[in-house]
Amino acid sequence: MTEKEVQKLMQAVARGATKPREALRALRAMPFQAICDAHVDTQRGLRCGFPEVIFCQGKSPEIVASIAATILRSGAKRLLATRADKAQHKAVLGVAPEAVFHEKARAITVRRDRARRGKGLVMVIAAGTLDIPVAEEARVTAEILGAKVETLYDVGVAGLHRLLAHTRMIQKANVLVVVAGMEGALPSVVGGLVSRPVIAVPTSIGYGASFGGVAPLLTMLNSCAAGVTVVNIDNGFGAGYAAALINGPR
C-alpha cells in the first residue's frame, strides 16, 4: 500500500464511503505478508519511498515470482530484483508481463510509474570493461528509483586521458558512482575533479593480490580525495540506490 492509497482510504472513511472495520482490515495486511519462507515487507514503500528489493541469488524462480507478485499486489508501481537469472525472469513474466531482464546487470525491473525523481544527473563510471556488470547494476538501480543516469565506461587510470577527455561532462553530474577493480584508484581521481559526492564501488576483478576485491576496497577506504564514500565489493545496487537518494527527493 502506497502513501497515496493510505490517504485515499482515510478520506473514504471520513466520507463514510468505507466502514472503519473495512479500513482496519486493509491496514492490518499492510506491514508484511508471509509467503513460503519469506515475510514480504509490503510497507517498505510507504516508509522508505521504494518497495522491498528482491535479492534473487539462491532463490527458486517460483519464490522470486511469488515475492514479486506480493509486492505488486500491495500497490507498488515499481519493482527491482537483483542478482537474477533468465529462469527467474521467465517466472516473473507470469505475474508481470512487462518485466524487463537487464542481462549485464543481472536485474529484473517492472516500471508502472514513469515519473522522474530528483533534479540532477547521476553518472556511473567504470574503470574497465569487466567492471561493467557492477556498473550496470548501479545504473539500473538508480534508474528504477527515478534518477536520470548517464554512463562512462572503460576510462581507468591506465589511460587517464580517456577520463580527462570527459571532464566537463563529469563535472555536470550531481552525484557519481565510480566502479573499479584491480588497484581501485579511479574514485580518488574522479573525486579530485568534482565538487559532488563520489560513491566508490570496488569490484572483485583483478589478479591474485587483489584478494577478490579487498585490495581496491582498501584503496578506496584510504582515498585522499574528499567526498569519496565506499560501498561493499561488487555492490552496484547499494551504490545506485544511495546515488538516487542523494540526487533528490523520491
C-alpha atoms as a PDB file:
ATOM      1  CA  MET A   1       0.000   0.000   0.000  1.00  0.00           C
ATOM      2  CA  THR A   2       1.401   3.373  -1.025  1.00  0.00           C
ATOM      3  CA  GLU A   3       1.156   6.671   0.852  1.00  0.00           C
ATOM      4  CA  LYS A   4      -1.472   7.932  -1.618  1.00  0.00           C
ATOM      5  CA  GLU A   5      -3.533   4.776  -1.138  1.00  0.00           C
ATOM      6  CA  VAL A   6      -3.455   5.198   2.644  1.00  0.00           C
ATOM      7  CA  GLN A   7      -4.641   8.809   2.206  1.00  0.00           C
ATOM      8  CA  LYS A   8      -7.456   7.666  -0.096  1.00  0.00           C
ATOM      9  CA  LEU A   9      -8.503   5.036   2.424  1.00  0.00           C
ATOM     10  CA  MET A  10      -8.604   7.591   5.247  1.00  0.00           C
ATOM     11  CA  GLN A  11     -10.575  10.018   3.070  1.00  0.00           C
ATOM     12  CA  ALA A  12     -13.046   7.262   2.193  1.00  0.00           C
ATOM     13  CA  VAL A  13     -13.603   6.576   5.903  1.00  0.00           C
ATOM     14  CA  ALA A  14     -14.067  10.302   6.536  1.00  0.00           C
ATOM     15  CA  ARG A  15     -16.697  10.490   3.760  1.00  0.00           C
ATOM     16  CA  GLY A  16     -18.471   7.412   5.030  1.00  0.00           C
ATOM     17  CA  ALA A  17     -17.756   5.501   1.814  1.00  0.00           C
ATOM     18  CA  THR A  18     -15.706   2.896   3.678  1.00  0.00           C
ATOM     19  CA  LYS A  19     -16.545   1.424   7.057  1.00  0.00           C
ATOM     20  CA  PRO A  20     -13.846   1.733   9.743  1.00  0.00           C
ATOM     21  CA  ARG A  21     -13.811  -2.049  10.120  1.00  0.00           C
ATOM     22  CA  GLU A  22     -13.032  -2.484   6.403  1.00  0.00           C
ATOM     23  CA  ALA A  23     -10.258   0.112   6.612  1.00  0.00           C
ATOM     24  CA  LEU A  24      -8.791  -1.631   9.649  1.00  0.00           C
ATOM     25  CA  ARG A  25      -8.774  -4.934   7.759  1.00  0.00           C
ATOM     26  CA  ALA A  26      -6.846  -3.298   4.907  1.00  0.00           C
ATOM     27  CA  LEU A  27      -4.335  -1.715   7.281  1.00  0.00           C
ATOM     28  CA  ARG A  28      -3.746  -4.970   9.155  1.00  0.00           C
ATOM     29  CA  ALA A  29      -2.433  -6.543   5.959  1.00  0.00           C
ATOM     30  CA  MET A  30      -0.073  -3.639   5.356  1.00  0.00           C
ATOM     31  CA  PRO A  31       3.113  -4.360   7.392  1.00  0.00           C
ATOM     32  CA  PHE A  32       4.069  -7.704   5.790  1.00  0.00           C
ATOM     33  CA  GLN A  33       2.728 -10.802   4.128  1.00  0.00           C
ATOM     34  CA  ALA A  34       4.101 -14.271   4.809  1.00  0.00           C
ATOM     35  CA  ILE A  35       4.585 -16.498   1.768  1.00  0.00           C
ATOM     36  CA  CYS A  36       6.516 -19.781   1.977  1.00  0.00           C
ATOM     37  CA  ASP A  37       9.666 -18.921   3.958  1.00  0.00           C
ATOM     38  CA  ALA A  38       9.536 -15.196   3.147  1.00  0.00           C
ATOM     39  CA  HIS A  39       7.966 -12.325   5.062  1.00  0.00           C
ATOM     40  CA  VAL A  40       7.461  -9.705   2.362  1.00  0.00           C
ATOM     41  CA  ASP A  41       7.686  -6.165   3.702  1.00  0.00           C
ATOM     42  CA  THR A  42       4.697  -4.615   1.931  1.00  0.00           C
ATOM     43  CA  GLN A  43       5.067  -1.419   3.976  1.00  0.00           C
ATOM     44  CA  ARG A  44       8.624  -0.698   2.736  1.00  0.00           C
ATOM     45  CA  GLY A  45       7.470   1.680   0.007  1.00  0.00           C
ATOM     46  CA  LEU A  46       5.427   3.703   2.479  1.00  0.00           C
ATOM     47  CA  ARG A  47       8.351   4.023   4.923  1.00  0.00           C
ATOM     48  CA  CYS A  48      11.284   4.305   2.547  1.00  0.00           C
ATOM     49  CA  GLY A  49       9.816   5.567  -0.712  1.00  0.00           C
ATOM     50  CA  PHE A  50      10.606   2.392  -2.675  1.00  0.00           C
ATOM     51  CA  PRO A  51       9.297  -1.150  -2.227  1.00  0.00           C
ATOM     52  CA  GLU A  52      11.346  -4.069  -0.952  1.00  0.00           C
ATOM     53  CA  VAL A  53      14.052  -5.111  -3.400  1.00  0.00           C
ATOM     54  CA  ILE A  54      14.294  -8.832  -4.136  1.00  0.00           C
ATOM     55  CA  PHE A  55      17.763 -10.394  -3.830  1.00  0.00           C
ATOM     56  CA  CYS A  56      17.318 -13.353  -6.170  1.00  0.00           C
ATOM     57  CA  GLN A  57      20.582 -15.223  -5.657  1.00  0.00           C
ATOM     58  CA  GLY A  58      19.857 -18.660  -4.218  1.00  0.00           C
ATOM     59  CA  LYS A  59      16.069 -18.319  -4.585  1.00  0.00           C
ATOM     60  CA  SER A  60      13.981 -20.536  -6.845  1.00  0.00           C
ATOM     61  CA  PRO A  61      12.179 -18.897  -9.798  1.00  0.00           C
ATOM     62  CA  GLU A  62       8.850 -19.713  -8.163  1.00  0.00           C
ATOM     63  CA  ILE A  63       9.766 -17.961  -4.907  1.00  0.00           C
ATOM     64  CA  VAL A  64      11.025 -14.883  -6.785  1.00  0.00           C
ATOM     65  CA  ALA A  65       7.788 -14.712  -8.772  1.00  0.00           C
ATOM     66  CA  SER A  66       5.671 -15.111  -5.631  1.00  0.00           C
ATOM     67  CA  ILE A  67       7.521 -12.308  -3.844  1.00  0.00           C
ATOM     68  CA  ALA A  68       7.236 -10.082  -6.920  1.00  0.00           C
ATOM     69  CA  ALA A  69       3.503 -10.743  -7.169  1.00  0.00           C
ATOM     70  CA  THR A  70       3.016  -9.907  -3.485  1.00  0.00           C
ATOM     71  CA  ILE A  71       4.926  -6.627  -3.793  1.00  0.00           C
ATOM     72  CA  LEU A  72       2.985  -5.578  -6.901  1.00  0.00           C
ATOM     73  CA  ARG A  73      -0.377  -6.562  -5.365  1.00  0.00           C
ATOM     74  CA  SER A  74       0.425  -4.319  -2.408  1.00  0.00           C
ATOM     75  CA  GLY A  75       0.211  -1.322  -4.759  1.00  0.00           C
ATOM     76  CA  ALA A  76       3.863  -0.906  -5.755  1.00  0.00           C
ATOM     77  CA  LYS A  77       4.347   0.839  -9.090  1.00  0.00           C
ATOM     78  CA  ARG A  78       7.990  -0.186  -9.431  1.00  0.00           C
ATOM     79  CA  LEU A  79       9.850  -3.407  -8.766  1.00  0.00           C
ATOM     80  CA  LEU A  80      13.543  -4.269  -8.661  1.00  0.00           C
ATOM     81  CA  ALA A  81      15.058  -7.733  -8.337  1.00  0.00           C
ATOM     82  CA  THR A  82      18.854  -8.065  -8.253  1.00  0.00           C
ATOM     83  CA  ARG A  83      21.287 -10.938  -8.937  1.00  0.00           C
ATOM     84  CA  ALA A  84      18.623 -12.521 -11.128  1.00  0.00           C
ATOM     85  CA  ASP A  85      18.861 -15.010 -13.994  1.00  0.00           C
ATOM     86  CA  LYS A  86      16.771 -15.768 -17.077  1.00  0.00           C
ATOM     87  CA  ALA A  87      14.795 -18.536 -15.399  1.00  0.00           C
ATOM     88  CA  GLN A  88      13.746 -16.189 -12.599  1.00  0.00           C
ATOM     89  CA  HIS A  89      12.807 -13.529 -15.146  1.00  0.00           C
ATOM     90  CA  LYS A  90      10.660 -16.038 -17.042  1.00  0.00           C
ATOM     91  CA  ALA A  91       8.812 -16.837 -13.813  1.00  0.00           C
ATOM     92  CA  VAL A  92       8.271 -13.135 -13.025  1.00  0.00           C
ATOM     93  CA  LEU A  93       6.808 -12.627 -16.529  1.00  0.00           C
ATOM     94  CA  GLY A  94       3.958 -14.860 -15.370  1.00  0.00           C
ATOM     95  CA  VAL A  95       2.888 -12.265 -12.788  1.00  0.00           C
ATOM     96  CA  ALA A  96       4.151  -9.120 -14.548  1.00  0.00           C
ATOM     97  CA  PRO A  97       4.269  -9.477 -18.352  1.00  0.00           C
ATOM     98  CA  GLU A  98       6.035  -6.121 -18.683  1.00  0.00           C
ATOM     99  CA  ALA A  99       9.006  -7.235 -16.547  1.00  0.00           C
ATOM    100  CA  VAL A 100      12.357  -6.442 -18.176  1.00  0.00           C
ATOM    101  CA  PHE A 101      15.516  -8.508 -17.747  1.00  0.00           C
ATOM    102  CA  HIS A 102      18.748  -6.498 -17.784  1.00  0.00           C
ATOM    103  CA  GLU A 103      21.256  -9.224 -18.638  1.00  0.00           C
ATOM    104  CA  LYS A 104      24.500  -7.369 -17.913  1.00  0.00           C
ATOM    105  CA  ALA A 105      23.169  -6.033 -14.613  1.00  0.00           C
ATOM    106  CA  ARG A 106      21.528  -9.371 -13.742  1.00  0.00           C
ATOM    107  CA  ALA A 107      18.437  -7.430 -12.697  1.00  0.00           C
ATOM    108  CA  ILE A 108      14.693  -7.546 -13.286  1.00  0.00           C
ATOM    109  CA  THR A 109      12.594  -4.374 -13.290  1.00  0.00           C
ATOM    110  CA  VAL A 110       8.900  -3.565 -13.501  1.00  0.00           C
ATOM    111  CA  ARG A 111       8.039   0.079 -14.039  1.00  0.00           C
ATOM    112  CA  ARG A 112       4.397   1.157 -13.995  1.00  0.00           C
ATOM    113  CA  ASP A 113       5.275   4.707 -12.981  1.00  0.00           C
ATOM    114  CA  ARG A 114       7.473   6.680 -15.417  1.00  0.00           C
ATOM    115  CA  ALA A 115       7.878   9.786 -13.275  1.00  0.00           C
ATOM    116  CA  ARG A 116      11.384  11.180 -12.765  1.00  0.00           C
ATOM    117  CA  ARG A 117      12.649  11.797  -9.243  1.00  0.00           C
ATOM    118  CA  GLY A 118      15.457  14.174  -8.457  1.00  0.00           C
ATOM    119  CA  LYS A 119      16.558  17.199 -10.445  1.00  0.00           C
ATOM    120  CA  GLY A 120      20.153  16.294 -11.163  1.00  0.00           C
ATOM    121  CA  LEU A 121      22.178  13.741 -13.063  1.00  0.00           C
ATOM    122  CA  VAL A 122      23.642  10.515 -11.704  1.00  0.00           C
ATOM    123  CA  MET A 123      26.776   9.464 -13.568  1.00  0.00           C
ATOM    124  CA  VAL A 124      28.057   5.900 -13.418  1.00  0.00           C
ATOM    125  CA  ILE A 125      31.728   5.462 -14.360  1.00  0.00           C
ATOM    126  CA  ALA A 126      33.536   2.138 -14.788  1.00  0.00           C
ATOM    127  CA  ALA A 127      37.302   1.704 -14.928  1.00  0.00           C
ATOM    128  CA  GLY A 128      37.387  -1.363 -17.188  1.00  0.00           C
ATOM    129  CA  THR A 129      35.035  -3.398 -19.342  1.00  0.00           C
ATOM    130  CA  LEU A 130      34.987  -6.224 -16.783  1.00  0.00           C
ATOM    131  CA  ASP A 131      33.635  -3.750 -14.220  1.00  0.00           C
ATOM    132  CA  ILE A 132      30.610  -3.019 -16.412  1.00  0.00           C
ATOM    133  CA  PRO A 133      28.232  -5.640 -14.891  1.00  0.00           C
ATOM    134  CA  VAL A 134      28.580  -3.994 -11.465  1.00  0.00           C
ATOM    135  CA  ALA A 135      28.259  -0.541 -13.043  1.00  0.00           C
ATOM    136  CA  GLU A 136      25.134  -1.672 -14.895  1.00  0.00           C
ATOM    137  CA  GLU A 137      23.601  -2.881 -11.626  1.00  0.00           C
ATOM    138  CA  ALA A 138      24.153   0.629 -10.263  1.00  0.00           C
ATOM    139  CA  ARG A 139      22.673   2.223 -13.400  1.00  0.00           C
ATOM    140  CA  VAL A 140      19.550   0.042 -13.445  1.00  0.00           C
ATOM    141  CA  THR A 141      19.007   0.621  -9.722  1.00  0.00           C
ATOM    142  CA  ALA A 142      19.297   4.410  -9.947  1.00  0.00           C
ATOM    143  CA  GLU A 143      17.023   4.490 -12.993  1.00  0.00           C
ATOM    144  CA  ILE A 144      14.250   2.388 -11.449  1.00  0.00           C
ATOM    145  CA  LEU A 145      14.334   4.753  -8.468  1.00  0.00           C
ATOM    146  CA  GLY A 146      13.610   7.551 -10.944  1.00  0.00           C
ATOM    147  CA  ALA A 147      17.016   9.152 -11.489  1.00  0.00           C
ATOM    148  CA  LYS A 148      18.371  10.369 -14.799  1.00  0.00           C
ATOM    149  CA  VAL A 149      21.550   8.378 -15.422  1.00  0.00           C
ATOM    150  CA  GLU A 150      24.442   8.627 -17.854  1.00  0.00           C
ATOM    151  CA  THR A 151      27.353   6.190 -18.124  1.00  0.00           C
ATOM    152  CA  LEU A 152      31.037   6.390 -18.966  1.00  0.00           C
ATOM    153  CA  TYR A 153      32.839   3.063 -19.276  1.00  0.00           C
ATOM    154  CA  ASP A 154      36.423   1.847 -19.782  1.00  0.00           C
ATOM    155  CA  VAL A 155      38.163   5.027 -18.592  1.00  0.00           C
ATOM    156  CA  GLY A 156      40.519   3.585 -15.969  1.00  0.00           C
ATOM    157  CA  VAL A 157      43.747   5.159 -14.736  1.00  0.00           C
ATOM    158  CA  ALA A 158      45.967   3.086 -17.060  1.00  0.00           C
ATOM    159  CA  GLY A 159      44.843   5.503 -19.775  1.00  0.00           C
ATOM    160  CA  LEU A 160      43.915   8.593 -17.807  1.00  0.00           C
ATOM    161  CA  HIS A 161      43.459  10.727 -20.934  1.00  0.00           C
ATOM    162  CA  ARG A 162      40.264   8.768 -21.647  1.00  0.00           C
ATOM    163  CA  LEU A 163      38.714  10.076 -18.421  1.00  0.00           C
ATOM    164  CA  LEU A 164      40.051  13.618 -18.730  1.00  0.00           C
ATOM    165  CA  ALA A 165      38.533  13.938 -22.203  1.00  0.00           C
ATOM    166  CA  HIS A 166      35.119  13.854 -20.480  1.00  0.00           C
ATOM    167  CA  THR A 167      35.895  16.213 -17.594  1.00  0.00           C
ATOM    168  CA  ARG A 168      33.184  18.740 -18.458  1.00  0.00           C
ATOM    169  CA  MET A 169      30.527  16.047 -18.653  1.00  0.00           C
ATOM    170  CA  ILE A 170      31.688  14.505 -15.357  1.00  0.00           C
ATOM    171  CA  GLN A 171      31.506  17.876 -13.610  1.00  0.00           C
ATOM    172  CA  LYS A 172      27.833  18.281 -14.601  1.00  0.00           C
ATOM    173  CA  ALA A 173      26.792  15.283 -12.515  1.00  0.00           C
ATOM    174  CA  ASN A 174      25.017  15.748  -9.206  1.00  0.00           C
ATOM    175  CA  VAL A 175      26.405  12.509  -7.792  1.00  0.00           C
ATOM    176  CA  LEU A 176      28.843   9.969  -9.263  1.00  0.00           C
ATOM    177  CA  VAL A 177      29.185   6.220  -8.858  1.00  0.00           C
ATOM    178  CA  VAL A 178      32.722   5.086  -9.720  1.00  0.00           C
ATOM    179  CA  VAL A 179      33.355   1.370 -10.182  1.00  0.00           C
ATOM    180  CA  ALA A 180      36.849  -0.143 -10.295  1.00  0.00           C
ATOM    181  CA  GLY A 181      38.720  -3.365  -9.649  1.00  0.00           C
ATOM    182  CA  MET A 182      42.474  -4.018  -9.803  1.00  0.00           C
ATOM    183  CA  GLU A 183      44.138  -1.310  -7.621  1.00  0.00           C
ATOM    184  CA  GLY A 184      40.919   0.733  -7.374  1.00  0.00           C
ATOM    185  CA  ALA A 185      42.450   4.188  -7.913  1.00  0.00           C
ATOM    186  CA  LEU A 186      39.786   5.675 -10.195  1.00  0.00           C
ATOM    187  CA  PRO A 187      37.396   7.023  -7.497  1.00  0.00           C
ATOM    188  CA  SER A 188      40.201   9.121  -5.981  1.00  0.00           C
ATOM    189  CA  VAL A 189      40.988  10.608  -9.391  1.00  0.00           C
ATOM    190  CA  VAL A 190      37.338  11.437 -10.034  1.00  0.00           C
ATOM    191  CA  GLY A 191      37.000  12.815  -6.501  1.00  0.00           C
ATOM    192  CA  GLY A 192      39.770  15.276  -7.306  1.00  0.00           C
ATOM    193  CA  LEU A 193      37.874  16.587 -10.335  1.00  0.00           C
ATOM    194  CA  VAL A 194      34.380  17.228  -8.944  1.00  0.00           C
ATOM    195  CA  SER A 195      32.589  19.098  -6.177  1.00  0.00           C
ATOM    196  CA  ARG A 196      29.851  16.477  -5.762  1.00  0.00           C
ATOM    197  CA  PRO A 197      29.648  13.188  -3.803  1.00  0.00           C
ATOM    198  CA  VAL A 198      31.503  10.189  -5.226  1.00  0.00           C
ATOM    199  CA  ILE A 199      30.330   6.691  -4.308  1.00  0.00           C
ATOM    200  CA  ALA A 200      33.164   4.226  -4.862  1.00  0.00           C
ATOM    201  CA  VAL A 201      32.438   0.591  -5.702  1.00  0.00           C
ATOM    202  CA  PRO A 202      35.306  -1.924  -5.523  1.00  0.00           C
ATOM    203  CA  THR A 203      34.910  -4.973  -7.744  1.00  0.00           C
ATOM    204  CA  SER A 204      36.326  -8.471  -7.469  1.00  0.00           C
ATOM    205  CA  ILE A 205      38.106  -8.092 -10.820  1.00  0.00           C
ATOM    206  CA  GLY A 206      41.887  -8.496 -10.653  1.00  0.00           C
ATOM    207  CA  TYR A 207      44.822 -10.838 -10.256  1.00  0.00           C
ATOM    208  CA  GLY A 208      45.736 -12.790  -7.115  1.00  0.00           C
ATOM    209  CA  ALA A 209      46.892  -9.946  -4.875  1.00  0.00           C
ATOM    210  CA  SER A 210      43.631  -8.086  -5.414  1.00  0.00           C
ATOM    211  CA  PHE A 211      42.179 -10.686  -2.989  1.00  0.00           C
ATOM    212  CA  GLY A 212      38.764 -10.777  -4.648  1.00  0.00           C
ATOM    213  CA  GLY A 213      38.231  -7.038  -4.342  1.00  0.00           C
ATOM    214  CA  VAL A 214      39.812  -6.444  -0.935  1.00  0.00           C
ATOM    215  CA  ALA A 215      42.751  -4.524  -2.444  1.00  0.00           C
ATOM    216  CA  PRO A 216      40.584  -1.938  -4.282  1.00  0.00           C
ATOM    217  CA  LEU A 217      38.296  -1.755  -1.240  1.00  0.00           C
ATOM    218  CA  LEU A 218      41.231  -0.742   0.983  1.00  0.00           C
ATOM    219  CA  THR A 219      42.480   1.732  -1.631  1.00  0.00           C
ATOM    220  CA  MET A 220      39.084   3.409  -1.769  1.00  0.00           C
ATOM    221  CA  LEU A 221      38.694   3.478   2.008  1.00  0.00           C
ATOM    222  CA  ASN A 222      42.051   5.240   2.183  1.00  0.00           C
ATOM    223  CA  SER A 223      41.267   7.771  -0.553  1.00  0.00           C
ATOM    224  CA  CYS A 224      42.863  11.180  -0.045  1.00  0.00           C
ATOM    225  CA  ALA A 225      40.116  12.823  -2.141  1.00  0.00           C
ATOM    226  CA  ALA A 226      37.407  14.449  -0.035  1.00  0.00           C
ATOM    227  CA  GLY A 227      33.815  13.433  -0.679  1.00  0.00           C
ATOM    228  CA  VAL A 228      34.506   9.788  -1.542  1.00  0.00           C
ATOM    229  CA  THR A 229      32.434   7.166   0.264  1.00  0.00           C
ATOM    230  CA  VAL A 230      32.656   3.415  -0.291  1.00  0.00           C
ATOM    231  CA  VAL A 231      30.191   0.527  -0.527  1.00  0.00           C
ATOM    232  CA  ASN A 232      30.828  -3.205  -0.377  1.00  0.00           C
ATOM    233  CA  ILE A 233      32.651  -5.238  -3.028  1.00  0.00           C
ATOM    234  CA  ASP A 234      30.576  -5.653  -6.224  1.00  0.00           C
ATOM    235  CA  ASN A 235      27.660  -3.789  -4.599  1.00  0.00           C
ATOM    236  CA  GLY A 236      26.408  -1.841  -7.590  1.00  0.00           C
ATOM    237  CA  PHE A 237      22.900  -1.986  -6.151  1.00  0.00           C
ATOM    238  CA  GLY A 238      23.873  -0.227  -2.917  1.00  0.00           C
ATOM    239  CA  ALA A 239      25.760   2.468  -4.812  1.00  0.00           C
ATOM    240  CA  GLY A 240      22.953   3.099  -7.286  1.00  0.00           C
ATOM    241  CA  TYR A 241      20.334   3.251  -4.546  1.00  0.00           C
ATOM    242  CA  ALA A 242      22.363   5.714  -2.466  1.00  0.00           C
ATOM    243  CA  ALA A 243      23.101   7.820  -5.542  1.00  0.00           C
ATOM    244  CA  ALA A 244      19.394   8.095  -6.387  1.00  0.00           C
ATOM    245  CA  LEU A 245      18.587   9.176  -2.817  1.00  0.00           C
ATOM    246  CA  ILE A 246      21.349  11.799  -2.842  1.00  0.00           C
ATOM    247  CA  ASN A 247      20.200  13.046  -6.239  1.00  0.00           C
ATOM    248  CA  GLY A 248      16.867  14.236  -4.943  1.00  0.00           C
ATOM    249  CA  PRO A 249      13.534  13.509  -3.298  1.00  0.00           C
ATOM    250  CA  ARG A 250      11.555  10.428  -4.260  1.00  0.00           C
END
